[in-house]
Amino acid sequence: MHSDRPLRLLVTGGTGSFGRAFVQTLLDSCPEVERIVVFSRDELKQWEMQQQFPEARFPQLRFFLGDVRDHGRLVRALQGVDTVVHAAALKQVPAAEYNPIEFIKTNVLGAENVVQASLDAGVKRVVALSTDKAAAPINLYGATKLCSDKLFIAANNIKGKRDLRFSVVRYGNVMGSRGSVIPFFLEKAMTGVLPITDPAMTRFNISLSEGVAMVLWALENALGGELFVPKIPSYRITDVAEAIGPTCEKPITGIRPGEKIHEEMITASDSFTTMDLGEYYAILPSDGRLLQRYQGEGRSVMAVEPGFAYNSSTNPEFLTVKQLRELIRDHVDPQFQPV
């Protein structure tokens, strides 16, 4: 990021996989960052992160215990903050199917709390993290994240004269994040068995560093109202299993409740307001005003073909078994060897 003024950021869910990587990147490469508030509800994870980033070396870091369900606590945490990255969420698909109201409280009502607290506290930039499961959702988790996306995009309509921009970034499975398939397979490979839910299954893939870079790009370039989608490769679940455990048994177990065979990040219904920005796509509001602003500023935008859909099964780029192994060593475990 580049700014003429000091930046003061708050990261909800700041002790999660994304939050830690985002904070590390800010500390390493953004000298203009004056303060980073790590807002999360788990005191143990905050304590562990404080050991990684001791106050003596990183005086710009603040740790703030709180839950996005608590509007008052968010308002307090946002005092003096100009930039918010909203990464807090409940995200395990099976858990959402059995505990739906808990996901609604965090992912939907928590998102609205972030919106309202940002309006009240004088925040200038908000970027919220979405998920591929929010496009044409079939599970409760995806539905709550779609609601969250709509809340952040619509918040641009109620900001009044504030210098405040809300935007969303949506990307696929983060390689190596907690609860994702690659760490799960790495652990299960030691047992000699890798359970395959469905041999046809495909997923989008993005590294944590690419996700962080995209959020930083959105903070710097968003006008407010965009839903950004990166151009990233897909993988086949069978290729991930082959990359990690070529000698393992691979029984077919069937898909879990609420799980898709393929993931989608842009639906055909979205195509009529989707622009190709080069490195990213942007789904814009349907009223056309944001597109006019893009064109008025001379930004390079090109409409996608009507009916275009961005699906993990029809993606033109798929990772090979060899590429998957290299990525696992680069982003998950440098000592990884197939078993």
C-alpha atoms as a PDB file:
ATOM      1  CA  MET A   1       0.000   0.000   0.000  1.00  0.00           C
ATOM      2  CA  HIS A   2       1.110   3.553  -0.624  1.00  0.00           C
ATOM      3  CA  SER A   3      -0.268   6.553   1.230  1.00  0.00           C
ATOM      4  CA  ASP A   4       0.784  10.086   2.065  1.00  0.00           C
ATOM      5  CA  ARG A   5      -0.638   9.726   5.561  1.00  0.00           C
ATOM      6  CA  PRO A   6      -0.180   7.196   8.368  1.00  0.00           C
ATOM      7  CA  LEU A   7      -2.600   4.296   8.180  1.00  0.00           C
ATOM      8  CA  ARG A   8      -4.462   2.838  11.142  1.00  0.00           C
ATOM      9  CA  LEU A   9      -6.057  -0.524  10.407  1.00  0.00           C
ATOM     10  CA  LEU A  10      -8.294  -2.973  12.212  1.00  0.00           C
ATOM     11  CA  VAL A  11      -8.496  -6.621  11.157  1.00  0.00           C
ATOM     12  CA  THR A  12     -11.474  -8.625  12.393  1.00  0.00           C
ATOM     13  CA  GLY A  13     -10.615 -12.280  12.757  1.00  0.00           C
ATOM     14  CA  GLY A  14      -7.035 -11.070  12.996  1.00  0.00           C
ATOM     15  CA  THR A  15      -5.688 -14.238  14.624  1.00  0.00           C
ATOM     16  CA  GLY A  16      -6.893 -16.535  11.820  1.00  0.00           C
ATOM     17  CA  SER A  17      -4.812 -17.859   8.920  1.00  0.00           C
ATOM     18  CA  PHE A  18      -5.491 -14.810   6.773  1.00  0.00           C
ATOM     19  CA  GLY A  19      -5.204 -12.339   9.641  1.00  0.00           C
ATOM     20  CA  ARG A  20      -1.738 -13.500  10.677  1.00  0.00           C
ATOM     21  CA  ALA A  21      -0.432 -13.445   7.114  1.00  0.00           C
ATOM     22  CA  PHE A  22      -1.998 -10.033   6.488  1.00  0.00           C
ATOM     23  CA  VAL A  23      -0.472  -8.550   9.639  1.00  0.00           C
ATOM     24  CA  GLN A  24       2.945 -10.039   8.803  1.00  0.00           C
ATOM     25  CA  THR A  25       2.804  -8.503   5.313  1.00  0.00           C
ATOM     26  CA  LEU A  26       1.836  -5.083   6.677  1.00  0.00           C
ATOM     27  CA  LEU A  27       4.670  -5.145   9.198  1.00  0.00           C
ATOM     28  CA  ASP A  28       7.182  -6.261   6.542  1.00  0.00           C
ATOM     29  CA  SER A  29       6.256  -4.003   3.663  1.00  0.00           C
ATOM     30  CA  CYS A  30       4.040  -1.083   4.712  1.00  0.00           C
ATOM     31  CA  PRO A  31       6.045   1.467   6.729  1.00  0.00           C
ATOM     32  CA  GLU A  32       3.177   3.945   6.551  1.00  0.00           C
ATOM     33  CA  VAL A  33       1.077   1.717   8.860  1.00  0.00           C
ATOM     34  CA  GLU A  34       0.976   3.458  12.227  1.00  0.00           C
ATOM     35  CA  ARG A  35      -1.346   1.078  14.063  1.00  0.00           C
ATOM     36  CA  ILE A  36      -2.776  -2.389  13.475  1.00  0.00           C
ATOM     37  CA  VAL A  37      -5.612  -3.542  15.724  1.00  0.00           C
ATOM     38  CA  VAL A  38      -6.036  -7.325  15.842  1.00  0.00           C
ATOM     39  CA  PHE A  39      -9.695  -7.849  16.767  1.00  0.00           C
ATOM     40  CA  SER A  40     -10.757 -11.395  17.629  1.00  0.00           C
ATOM     41  CA  ARG A  41     -12.545 -13.374  20.312  1.00  0.00           C
ATOM     42  CA  ASP A  42      -9.988 -16.089  21.197  1.00  0.00           C
ATOM     43  CA  GLU A  43      -7.652 -14.986  23.996  1.00  0.00           C
ATOM     44  CA  LEU A  44      -5.319 -17.975  23.523  1.00  0.00           C
ATOM     45  CA  LYS A  45      -4.765 -17.219  19.839  1.00  0.00           C
ATOM     46  CA  GLN A  46      -4.143 -13.577  20.705  1.00  0.00           C
ATOM     47  CA  TRP A  47      -1.589 -14.598  23.334  1.00  0.00           C
ATOM     48  CA  GLU A  48       0.142 -16.899  20.822  1.00  0.00           C
ATOM     49  CA  MET A  49       0.224 -14.125  18.229  1.00  0.00           C
ATOM     50  CA  GLN A  50       1.678 -11.734  20.808  1.00  0.00           C
ATOM     51  CA  GLN A  51       4.573 -14.175  21.281  1.00  0.00           C
ATOM     52  CA  GLN A  52       5.156 -14.109  17.519  1.00  0.00           C
ATOM     53  CA  PHE A  53       4.944 -10.299  17.408  1.00  0.00           C
ATOM     54  CA  PRO A  54       6.273  -8.988  20.768  1.00  0.00           C
ATOM     55  CA  GLU A  55       5.359  -5.419  21.691  1.00  0.00           C
ATOM     56  CA  ALA A  56       9.001  -4.364  22.071  1.00  0.00           C
ATOM     57  CA  ARG A  57       9.604  -5.049  18.363  1.00  0.00           C
ATOM     58  CA  PHE A  58       6.156  -4.240  17.012  1.00  0.00           C
ATOM     59  CA  PRO A  59       4.785  -1.280  18.973  1.00  0.00           C
ATOM     60  CA  GLN A  60       2.245  -0.538  16.225  1.00  0.00           C
ATOM     61  CA  LEU A  61       0.303  -3.736  17.062  1.00  0.00           C
ATOM     62  CA  ARG A  62      -2.725  -3.723  19.387  1.00  0.00           C
ATOM     63  CA  PHE A  63      -4.692  -6.774  20.489  1.00  0.00           C
ATOM     64  CA  PHE A  64      -8.378  -6.216  21.153  1.00  0.00           C
ATOM     65  CA  LEU A  65     -10.568  -9.027  22.511  1.00  0.00           C
ATOM     66  CA  GLY A  66     -14.072  -8.844  21.113  1.00  0.00           C
ATOM     67  CA  ASP A  67     -16.714 -10.458  18.932  1.00  0.00           C
ATOM     68  CA  VAL A  68     -18.214  -8.947  15.767  1.00  0.00           C
ATOM     69  CA  ARG A  69     -21.584  -9.851  17.286  1.00  0.00           C
ATOM     70  CA  ASP A  70     -20.981  -7.038  19.801  1.00  0.00           C
ATOM     71  CA  HIS A  71     -21.598  -3.669  18.119  1.00  0.00           C
ATOM     72  CA  GLY A  72     -20.484  -1.626  21.112  1.00  0.00           C
ATOM     73  CA  ARG A  73     -17.173  -3.420  21.355  1.00  0.00           C
ATOM     74  CA  LEU A  74     -16.556  -2.849  17.631  1.00  0.00           C
ATOM     75  CA  VAL A  75     -17.253   0.877  17.998  1.00  0.00           C
ATOM     76  CA  ARG A  76     -14.724   1.031  20.831  1.00  0.00           C
ATOM     77  CA  ALA A  77     -12.098  -0.897  18.847  1.00  0.00           C
ATOM     78  CA  LEU A  78     -12.559   1.359  15.799  1.00  0.00           C
ATOM     79  CA  GLN A  79     -11.723   4.607  17.557  1.00  0.00           C
ATOM     80  CA  GLY A  80      -8.972   6.289  15.542  1.00  0.00           C
ATOM     81  CA  VAL A  81      -9.057   3.578  12.838  1.00  0.00           C
ATOM     82  CA  ASP A  82      -9.374   4.564   9.163  1.00  0.00           C
ATOM     83  CA  THR A  83      -9.195   1.160   7.443  1.00  0.00           C
ATOM     84  CA  VAL A  84     -11.020  -2.111   8.196  1.00  0.00           C
ATOM     85  CA  VAL A  85     -10.376  -5.563   6.795  1.00  0.00           C
ATOM     86  CA  HIS A  86     -13.231  -7.866   7.798  1.00  0.00           C
ATOM     87  CA  ALA A  87     -12.009 -11.458   7.923  1.00  0.00           C
ATOM     88  CA  ALA A  88     -13.967 -12.763  10.926  1.00  0.00           C
ATOM     89  CA  ALA A  89     -16.396 -15.558  10.083  1.00  0.00           C
ATOM     90  CA  LEU A  90     -17.628 -18.974  11.026  1.00  0.00           C
ATOM     91  CA  LYS A  91     -16.821 -21.025   7.941  1.00  0.00           C
ATOM     92  CA  GLN A  92     -17.060 -24.805   8.379  1.00  0.00           C
ATOM     93  CA  VAL A  93     -19.772 -26.030   6.002  1.00  0.00           C
ATOM     94  CA  PRO A  94     -20.993 -29.063   8.031  1.00  0.00           C
ATOM     95  CA  ALA A  95     -21.064 -27.051  11.266  1.00  0.00           C
ATOM     96  CA  ALA A  96     -23.258 -24.441   9.562  1.00  0.00           C
ATOM     97  CA  GLU A  97     -25.787 -27.068   8.520  1.00  0.00           C
ATOM     98  CA  TYR A  98     -26.237 -28.150  12.155  1.00  0.00           C
ATOM     99  CA  ASN A  99     -25.813 -24.745  13.858  1.00  0.00           C
ATOM    100  CA  PRO A 100     -27.420 -22.325  11.407  1.00  0.00           C
ATOM    101  CA  ILE A 101     -28.371 -19.520  13.789  1.00  0.00           C
ATOM    102  CA  GLU A 102     -24.805 -19.299  15.134  1.00  0.00           C
ATOM    103  CA  PHE A 103     -23.507 -18.693  11.601  1.00  0.00           C
ATOM    104  CA  ILE A 104     -26.218 -16.102  10.985  1.00  0.00           C
ATOM    105  CA  LYS A 105     -25.293 -14.241  14.186  1.00  0.00           C
ATOM    106  CA  THR A 106     -21.599 -14.028  13.240  1.00  0.00           C
ATOM    107  CA  ASN A 107     -21.576 -13.898   9.448  1.00  0.00           C
ATOM    108  CA  VAL A 108     -24.693 -11.784   8.808  1.00  0.00           C
ATOM    109  CA  LEU A 109     -25.434  -9.781  11.955  1.00  0.00           C
ATOM    110  CA  GLY A 110     -21.703  -9.449  12.615  1.00  0.00           C
ATOM    111  CA  ALA A 111     -21.211  -8.023   9.110  1.00  0.00           C
ATOM    112  CA  GLU A 112     -23.969  -5.475   9.725  1.00  0.00           C
ATOM    113  CA  ASN A 113     -22.284  -4.520  13.008  1.00  0.00           C
ATOM    114  CA  VAL A 114     -19.026  -3.894  11.123  1.00  0.00           C
ATOM    115  CA  VAL A 115     -20.908  -1.712   8.616  1.00  0.00           C
ATOM    116  CA  GLN A 116     -22.706   0.350  11.266  1.00  0.00           C
ATOM    117  CA  ALA A 117     -19.649   0.705  13.518  1.00  0.00           C
ATOM    118  CA  SER A 118     -17.553   1.833  10.536  1.00  0.00           C
ATOM    119  CA  LEU A 119     -20.171   4.471   9.674  1.00  0.00           C
ATOM    120  CA  ASP A 120     -20.176   5.693  13.291  1.00  0.00           C
ATOM    121  CA  ALA A 121     -16.400   5.715  13.807  1.00  0.00           C
ATOM    122  CA  GLY A 122     -15.256   7.722  10.785  1.00  0.00           C
ATOM    123  CA  VAL A 123     -13.621   4.806   8.959  1.00  0.00           C
ATOM    124  CA  LYS A 124     -12.629   5.527   5.339  1.00  0.00           C
ATOM    125  CA  ARG A 125     -12.014   2.102   3.733  1.00  0.00           C
ATOM    126  CA  VAL A 126     -13.602  -1.291   4.371  1.00  0.00           C
ATOM    127  CA  VAL A 127     -12.751  -4.499   2.525  1.00  0.00           C
ATOM    128  CA  ALA A 128     -14.683  -7.635   3.497  1.00  0.00           C
ATOM    129  CA  LEU A 129     -13.601 -11.175   2.653  1.00  0.00           C
ATOM    130  CA  SER A 130     -16.091 -13.416   0.872  1.00  0.00           C
ATOM    131  CA  THR A 131     -15.902 -17.000  -0.422  1.00  0.00           C
ATOM    132  CA  ASP A 132     -16.624 -18.938  -3.584  1.00  0.00           C
ATOM    133  CA  LYS A 133     -19.422 -20.653  -1.642  1.00  0.00           C
ATOM    134  CA  ALA A 134     -21.358 -17.353  -1.634  1.00  0.00           C
ATOM    135  CA  ALA A 135     -22.024 -17.606  -5.397  1.00  0.00           C
ATOM    136  CA  ALA A 136     -25.283 -19.509  -5.996  1.00  0.00           C
ATOM    137  CA  PRO A 137     -25.066 -20.947  -2.463  1.00  0.00           C
ATOM    138  CA  ILE A 138     -26.493 -24.359  -1.620  1.00  0.00           C
ATOM    139  CA  ASN A 139     -25.307 -24.424   1.983  1.00  0.00           C
ATOM    140  CA  LEU A 140     -26.012 -22.208   4.973  1.00  0.00           C
ATOM    141  CA  TYR A 141     -22.436 -20.978   5.204  1.00  0.00           C
ATOM    142  CA  GLY A 142     -22.511 -19.771   1.593  1.00  0.00           C
ATOM    143  CA  ALA A 143     -25.915 -18.159   2.122  1.00  0.00           C
ATOM    144  CA  THR A 144     -24.681 -16.205   5.146  1.00  0.00           C
ATOM    145  CA  LYS A 145     -21.634 -14.978   3.230  1.00  0.00           C
ATOM    146  CA  LEU A 146     -23.822 -13.913   0.299  1.00  0.00           C
ATOM    147  CA  CYS A 147     -25.918 -11.905   2.770  1.00  0.00           C
ATOM    148  CA  SER A 148     -22.719 -10.412   4.173  1.00  0.00           C
ATOM    149  CA  ASP A 149     -21.528  -9.454   0.664  1.00  0.00           C
ATOM    150  CA  LYS A 150     -24.850  -7.724  -0.044  1.00  0.00           C
ATOM    151  CA  LEU A 151     -24.686  -5.803   3.254  1.00  0.00           C
ATOM    152  CA  PHE A 152     -21.227  -4.420   2.500  1.00  0.00           C
ATOM    153  CA  ILE A 153     -22.045  -3.503  -1.102  1.00  0.00           C
ATOM    154  CA  ALA A 154     -25.334  -1.853  -0.112  1.00  0.00           C
ATOM    155  CA  ALA A 155     -23.582   0.091   2.671  1.00  0.00           C
ATOM    156  CA  ASN A 156     -22.225   2.419  -0.027  1.00  0.00           C
ATOM    157  CA  ASN A 157     -25.798   3.689  -0.454  1.00  0.00           C
ATOM    158  CA  ILE A 158     -26.093   4.898   3.155  1.00  0.00           C
ATOM    159  CA  LYS A 159     -22.688   6.498   3.725  1.00  0.00           C
ATOM    160  CA  GLY A 160     -23.991   9.982   2.934  1.00  0.00           C
ATOM    161  CA  LYS A 161     -21.172  12.469   2.405  1.00  0.00           C
ATOM    162  CA  ARG A 162     -18.612  10.379   4.268  1.00  0.00           C
ATOM    163  CA  ASP A 163     -15.325   9.580   2.545  1.00  0.00           C
ATOM    164  CA  LEU A 164     -16.018   5.871   3.012  1.00  0.00           C
ATOM    165  CA  ARG A 165     -15.794   2.998   0.556  1.00  0.00           C
ATOM    166  CA  PHE A 166     -17.054  -0.541   1.145  1.00  0.00           C
ATOM    167  CA  SER A 167     -15.953  -3.359  -1.178  1.00  0.00           C
ATOM    168  CA  VAL A 168     -15.673  -7.158  -1.118  1.00  0.00           C
ATOM    169  CA  VAL A 169     -13.074  -9.669  -2.287  1.00  0.00           C
ATOM    170  CA  ARG A 170     -14.171 -13.217  -3.143  1.00  0.00           C
ATOM    171  CA  TYR A 171     -11.733 -16.043  -3.739  1.00  0.00           C
ATOM    172  CA  GLY A 172     -11.453 -19.819  -3.576  1.00  0.00           C
ATOM    173  CA  ASN A 173      -9.940 -22.268  -1.136  1.00  0.00           C
ATOM    174  CA  VAL A 174      -6.814 -20.911   0.521  1.00  0.00           C
ATOM    175  CA  MET A 175      -4.018 -23.441   0.252  1.00  0.00           C
ATOM    176  CA  GLY A 176      -3.066 -24.657   3.717  1.00  0.00           C
ATOM    177  CA  SER A 177      -5.681 -22.728   5.701  1.00  0.00           C
ATOM    178  CA  ARG A 178      -7.083 -24.386   8.798  1.00  0.00           C
ATOM    179  CA  GLY A 179      -9.761 -26.960   8.048  1.00  0.00           C
ATOM    180  CA  SER A 180      -8.999 -27.084   4.310  1.00  0.00           C
ATOM    181  CA  VAL A 181      -8.383 -30.236   2.305  1.00  0.00           C
ATOM    182  CA  ILE A 182      -4.587 -30.116   1.938  1.00  0.00           C
ATOM    183  CA  PRO A 183      -3.709 -30.058   5.672  1.00  0.00           C
ATOM    184  CA  PHE A 184      -6.402 -32.707   6.160  1.00  0.00           C
ATOM    185  CA  PHE A 185      -4.887 -34.960   3.474  1.00  0.00           C
ATOM    186  CA  LEU A 186      -1.347 -34.398   4.787  1.00  0.00           C
ATOM    187  CA  GLU A 187      -2.474 -35.660   8.180  1.00  0.00           C
ATOM    188  CA  LYS A 188      -4.564 -38.551   6.829  1.00  0.00           C
ATOM    189  CA  ALA A 189      -1.755 -39.703   4.503  1.00  0.00           C
ATOM    190  CA  MET A 190       0.088 -40.984   7.584  1.00  0.00           C
ATOM    191  CA  THR A 191      -2.738 -43.515   8.050  1.00  0.00           C
ATOM    192  CA  GLY A 192      -2.455 -44.758   4.452  1.00  0.00           C
ATOM    193  CA  VAL A 193      -6.033 -43.747   3.608  1.00  0.00           C
ATOM    194  CA  LEU A 194      -7.211 -40.576   1.829  1.00  0.00           C
ATOM    195  CA  PRO A 195     -11.031 -40.357   1.752  1.00  0.00           C
ATOM    196  CA  ILE A 196     -12.355 -38.875  -1.504  1.00  0.00           C
ATOM    197  CA  THR A 197     -15.808 -37.325  -1.263  1.00  0.00           C
ATOM    198  CA  ASP A 198     -16.446 -37.446  -5.026  1.00  0.00           C
ATOM    199  CA  PRO A 199     -13.877 -38.220  -7.749  1.00  0.00           C
ATOM    200  CA  ALA A 200     -15.321 -35.492 -10.022  1.00  0.00           C
ATOM    201  CA  MET A 201     -14.874 -32.738  -7.408  1.00  0.00           C
ATOM    202  CA  THR A 202     -12.925 -29.579  -8.348  1.00  0.00           C
ATOM    203  CA  ARG A 203     -12.010 -26.471  -6.385  1.00  0.00           C
ATOM    204  CA  PHE A 204     -10.420 -23.081  -6.983  1.00  0.00           C
ATOM    205  CA  ASN A 205      -7.037 -22.565  -5.328  1.00  0.00           C
ATOM    206  CA  ILE A 206      -5.256 -19.463  -4.047  1.00  0.00           C
ATOM    207  CA  SER A 207      -2.232 -19.093  -1.802  1.00  0.00           C
ATOM    208  CA  LEU A 208      -2.414 -17.088   1.399  1.00  0.00           C
ATOM    209  CA  SER A 209       0.085 -14.568   0.030  1.00  0.00           C
ATOM    210  CA  GLU A 210      -2.028 -14.082  -3.124  1.00  0.00           C
ATOM    211  CA  GLY A 211      -5.117 -13.525  -0.965  1.00  0.00           C
ATOM    212  CA  VAL A 212      -3.277 -10.926   1.127  1.00  0.00           C
ATOM    213  CA  ALA A 213      -1.987  -9.167  -2.002  1.00  0.00           C
ATOM    214  CA  MET A 214      -5.518  -9.022  -3.402  1.00  0.00           C
ATOM    215  CA  VAL A 215      -6.919  -7.396  -0.256  1.00  0.00           C
ATOM    216  CA  LEU A 216      -4.114  -4.812  -0.267  1.00  0.00           C
ATOM    217  CA  TRP A 217      -4.840  -4.127  -3.954  1.00  0.00           C
ATOM    218  CA  ALA A 218      -8.552  -3.682  -3.203  1.00  0.00           C
ATOM    219  CA  LEU A 219      -7.821  -1.275  -0.335  1.00  0.00           C
ATOM    220  CA  GLU A 220      -5.790   0.876  -2.681  1.00  0.00           C
ATOM    221  CA  ASN A 221      -7.892   0.648  -5.854  1.00  0.00           C
ATOM    222  CA  ALA A 222     -11.553   0.102  -4.923  1.00  0.00           C
ATOM    223  CA  LEU A 223     -14.006   2.935  -5.545  1.00  0.00           C
ATOM    224  CA  GLY A 224     -16.626   1.293  -3.314  1.00  0.00           C
ATOM    225  CA  GLY A 225     -19.329  -1.165  -4.379  1.00  0.00           C
ATOM    226  CA  GLU A 226     -17.174  -3.704  -6.214  1.00  0.00           C
ATOM    227  CA  LEU A 227     -17.019  -7.420  -5.557  1.00  0.00           C
ATOM    228  CA  PHE A 228     -13.557  -8.448  -6.768  1.00  0.00           C
ATOM    229  CA  VAL A 229     -12.736 -11.971  -7.981  1.00  0.00           C
ATOM    230  CA  PRO A 230      -9.185 -13.121  -8.829  1.00  0.00           C
ATOM    231  CA  LYS A 231      -8.189 -15.188 -11.854  1.00  0.00           C
ATOM    232  CA  ILE A 232      -6.810 -18.310 -10.170  1.00  0.00           C
ATOM    233  CA  PRO A 233      -6.311 -21.985 -11.104  1.00  0.00           C
ATOM    234  CA  SER A 234      -8.452 -24.970 -10.170  1.00  0.00           C
ATOM    235  CA  TYR A 235      -7.492 -28.414  -8.972  1.00  0.00           C
ATOM    236  CA  ARG A 236      -9.129 -31.830  -9.056  1.00  0.00           C
ATOM    237  CA  ILE A 237      -9.539 -33.465  -5.665  1.00  0.00           C
ATOM    238  CA  THR A 238      -8.165 -36.691  -7.140  1.00  0.00           C
ATOM    239  CA  ASP A 239      -4.999 -34.843  -8.222  1.00  0.00           C
ATOM    240  CA  VAL A 240      -4.546 -33.447  -4.706  1.00  0.00           C
ATOM    241  CA  ALA A 241      -4.820 -36.999  -3.331  1.00  0.00           C
ATOM    242  CA  GLU A 242      -2.323 -38.251  -5.923  1.00  0.00           C
ATOM    243  CA  ALA A 243       0.060 -35.388  -5.141  1.00  0.00           C
ATOM    244  CA  ILE A 244       0.052 -36.126  -1.410  1.00  0.00           C
ATOM    245  CA  GLY A 245      -0.456 -39.888  -1.140  1.00  0.00           C
ATOM    246  CA  PRO A 246       0.100 -41.778  -4.401  1.00  0.00           C
ATOM    247  CA  THR A 247       0.371 -45.084  -2.495  1.00  0.00           C
ATOM    248  CA  CYS A 248      -2.610 -44.429  -0.220  1.00  0.00           C
ATOM    249  CA  GLU A 249      -5.995 -46.101  -0.487  1.00  0.00           C
ATOM    250  CA  LYS A 250      -8.587 -43.636  -1.779  1.00  0.00           C
ATOM    251  CA  PRO A 251     -12.105 -44.775  -0.823  1.00  0.00           C
ATOM    252  CA  ILE A 252     -15.093 -42.774  -2.086  1.00  0.00           C
ATOM    253  CA  THR A 253     -17.084 -41.499   0.914  1.00  0.00           C
ATOM    254  CA  GLY A 254     -19.735 -39.253  -0.676  1.00  0.00           C
ATOM    255  CA  ILE A 255     -20.135 -35.490  -0.352  1.00  0.00           C
ATOM    256  CA  ARG A 256     -20.848 -33.888   3.008  1.00  0.00           C
ATOM    257  CA  PRO A 257     -24.061 -31.988   3.826  1.00  0.00           C
ATOM    258  CA  GLY A 258     -24.153 -28.701   1.915  1.00  0.00           C
ATOM    259  CA  GLU A 259     -21.112 -29.483  -0.250  1.00  0.00           C
ATOM    260  CA  LYS A 260     -20.873 -28.793  -3.992  1.00  0.00           C
ATOM    261  CA  ILE A 261     -19.106 -30.924  -6.607  1.00  0.00           C
ATOM    262  CA  HIS A 262     -17.748 -27.768  -8.259  1.00  0.00           C
ATOM    263  CA  GLU A 263     -17.368 -24.223  -6.969  1.00  0.00           C
ATOM    264  CA  GLU A 264     -18.453 -21.048  -8.696  1.00  0.00           C
ATOM    265  CA  MET A 265     -17.257 -17.494  -8.093  1.00  0.00           C
ATOM    266  CA  ILE A 266     -19.193 -15.671 -10.817  1.00  0.00           C
ATOM    267  CA  THR A 267     -22.572 -16.989 -11.945  1.00  0.00           C
ATOM    268  CA  ALA A 268     -24.083 -16.505 -15.382  1.00  0.00           C
ATOM    269  CA  SER A 269     -26.612 -14.178 -13.738  1.00  0.00           C
ATOM    270  CA  ASP A 270     -23.726 -11.981 -12.557  1.00  0.00           C
ATOM    271  CA  SER A 271     -22.222 -11.782 -16.042  1.00  0.00           C
ATOM    272  CA  PHE A 272     -24.248  -8.761 -17.123  1.00  0.00           C
ATOM    273  CA  THR A 273     -22.514  -6.518 -14.549  1.00  0.00           C
ATOM    274  CA  THR A 274     -19.103  -8.239 -14.449  1.00  0.00           C
ATOM    275  CA  MET A 275     -16.048  -6.395 -15.742  1.00  0.00           C
ATOM    276  CA  ASP A 276     -12.638  -7.811 -16.636  1.00  0.00           C
ATOM    277  CA  LEU A 277      -9.977  -5.624 -14.994  1.00  0.00           C
ATOM    278  CA  GLY A 278      -7.025  -7.719 -16.176  1.00  0.00           C
ATOM    279  CA  GLU A 279      -5.713  -9.495 -13.081  1.00  0.00           C
ATOM    280  CA  TYR A 280      -9.167  -9.527 -11.472  1.00  0.00           C
ATOM    281  CA  TYR A 281     -12.849  -9.545 -12.334  1.00  0.00           C
ATOM    282  CA  ALA A 282     -15.204  -7.085 -10.649  1.00  0.00           C
ATOM    283  CA  ILE A 283     -18.931  -7.634 -10.203  1.00  0.00           C
ATOM    284  CA  LEU A 284     -20.413  -4.125 -10.129  1.00  0.00           C
ATOM    285  CA  PRO A 285     -23.809  -2.913  -8.874  1.00  0.00           C
ATOM    286  CA  SER A 286     -26.527  -3.182 -11.503  1.00  0.00           C
ATOM    287  CA  ASP A 287     -27.475   0.529 -11.517  1.00  0.00           C
ATOM    288  CA  GLY A 288     -24.481   1.360 -13.738  1.00  0.00           C
ATOM    289  CA  ARG A 289     -23.222   4.333 -11.701  1.00  0.00           C
ATOM    290  CA  LEU A 290     -20.016   2.641 -10.581  1.00  0.00           C
ATOM    291  CA  LEU A 291     -19.234   1.558 -14.145  1.00  0.00           C
ATOM    292  CA  GLN A 292     -19.620   5.191 -15.227  1.00  0.00           C
ATOM    293  CA  ARG A 293     -17.128   6.237 -12.522  1.00  0.00           C
ATOM    294  CA  TYR A 294     -14.638   3.641 -13.748  1.00  0.00           C
ATOM    295  CA  GLN A 295     -14.989   4.875 -17.303  1.00  0.00           C
ATOM    296  CA  GLY A 296     -14.861   8.508 -16.195  1.00  0.00           C
ATOM    297  CA  GLU A 297     -11.548   7.895 -14.432  1.00  0.00           C
ATOM    298  CA  GLY A 298     -10.149   6.231 -17.544  1.00  0.00           C
ATOM    299  CA  ARG A 299      -9.743   2.849 -15.859  1.00  0.00           C
ATOM    300  CA  SER A 300      -9.318  -0.119 -18.169  1.00  0.00           C
ATOM    301  CA  VAL A 301     -12.503  -2.195 -17.934  1.00  0.00           C
ATOM    302  CA  MET A 302     -13.996  -4.663 -20.377  1.00  0.00           C
ATOM    303  CA  ALA A 303     -17.388  -6.318 -20.030  1.00  0.00           C
ATOM    304  CA  VAL A 304     -17.395 -10.120 -20.018  1.00  0.00           C
ATOM    305  CA  GLU A 305     -19.586 -12.013 -22.471  1.00  0.00           C
ATOM    306  CA  PRO A 306     -23.266 -12.306 -21.452  1.00  0.00           C
ATOM    307  CA  GLY A 307     -23.757 -15.700 -19.823  1.00  0.00           C
ATOM    308  CA  PHE A 308     -20.117 -15.908 -18.702  1.00  0.00           C
ATOM    309  CA  ALA A 309     -19.626 -17.993 -15.549  1.00  0.00           C
ATOM    310  CA  TYR A 310     -16.450 -18.589 -13.562  1.00  0.00           C
ATOM    311  CA  ASN A 311     -16.632 -22.210 -12.408  1.00  0.00           C
ATOM    312  CA  SER A 312     -13.882 -24.445 -11.000  1.00  0.00           C
ATOM    313  CA  SER A 313     -14.798 -27.249 -13.441  1.00  0.00           C
ATOM    314  CA  THR A 314     -14.658 -25.131 -16.616  1.00  0.00           C
ATOM    315  CA  ASN A 315     -11.721 -22.966 -15.533  1.00  0.00           C
ATOM    316  CA  PRO A 316      -9.118 -22.903 -18.351  1.00  0.00           C
ATOM    317  CA  GLU A 317      -6.257 -23.388 -15.860  1.00  0.00           C
ATOM    318  CA  PHE A 318      -5.840 -26.565 -13.771  1.00  0.00           C
ATOM    319  CA  LEU A 319      -2.932 -27.374 -11.463  1.00  0.00           C
ATOM    320  CA  THR A 320      -1.019 -30.569 -12.269  1.00  0.00           C
ATOM    321  CA  VAL A 321       0.084 -33.115  -9.665  1.00  0.00           C
ATOM    322  CA  LYS A 322       3.640 -31.798  -9.983  1.00  0.00           C
ATOM    323  CA  GLN A 323       2.509 -28.176  -9.536  1.00  0.00           C
ATOM    324  CA  LEU A 324       0.441 -29.142  -6.493  1.00  0.00           C
ATOM    325  CA  ARG A 325       3.463 -30.760  -4.857  1.00  0.00           C
ATOM    326  CA  GLU A 326       5.572 -27.660  -5.495  1.00  0.00           C
ATOM    327  CA  LEU A 327       2.861 -25.396  -4.080  1.00  0.00           C
ATOM    328  CA  ILE A 328       2.522 -27.560  -0.963  1.00  0.00           C
ATOM    329  CA  ARG A 329       6.261 -27.199  -0.356  1.00  0.00           C
ATOM    330  CA  ASP A 330       6.123 -23.458  -1.029  1.00  0.00           C
ATOM    331  CA  HIS A 331       3.039 -22.639   1.032  1.00  0.00           C
ATOM    332  CA  VAL A 332       2.277 -25.454   3.510  1.00  0.00           C
ATOM    333  CA  ASP A 333       5.231 -27.707   4.381  1.00  0.00           C
ATOM    334  CA  PRO A 334       8.747 -27.155   2.987  1.00  0.00           C
ATOM    335  CA  GLN A 335       9.699 -30.741   3.997  1.00  0.00           C
ATOM    336  CA  PHE A 336       6.709 -32.361   2.269  1.00  0.00           C
ATOM    337  CA  GLN A 337       7.290 -35.663   0.494  1.00  0.00           C
ATOM    338  CA  PRO A 338       4.564 -37.799  -1.139  1.00  0.00           C
ATOM    339  CA  VAL A 339       3.770 -41.061   0.631  1.00  0.00           C
END
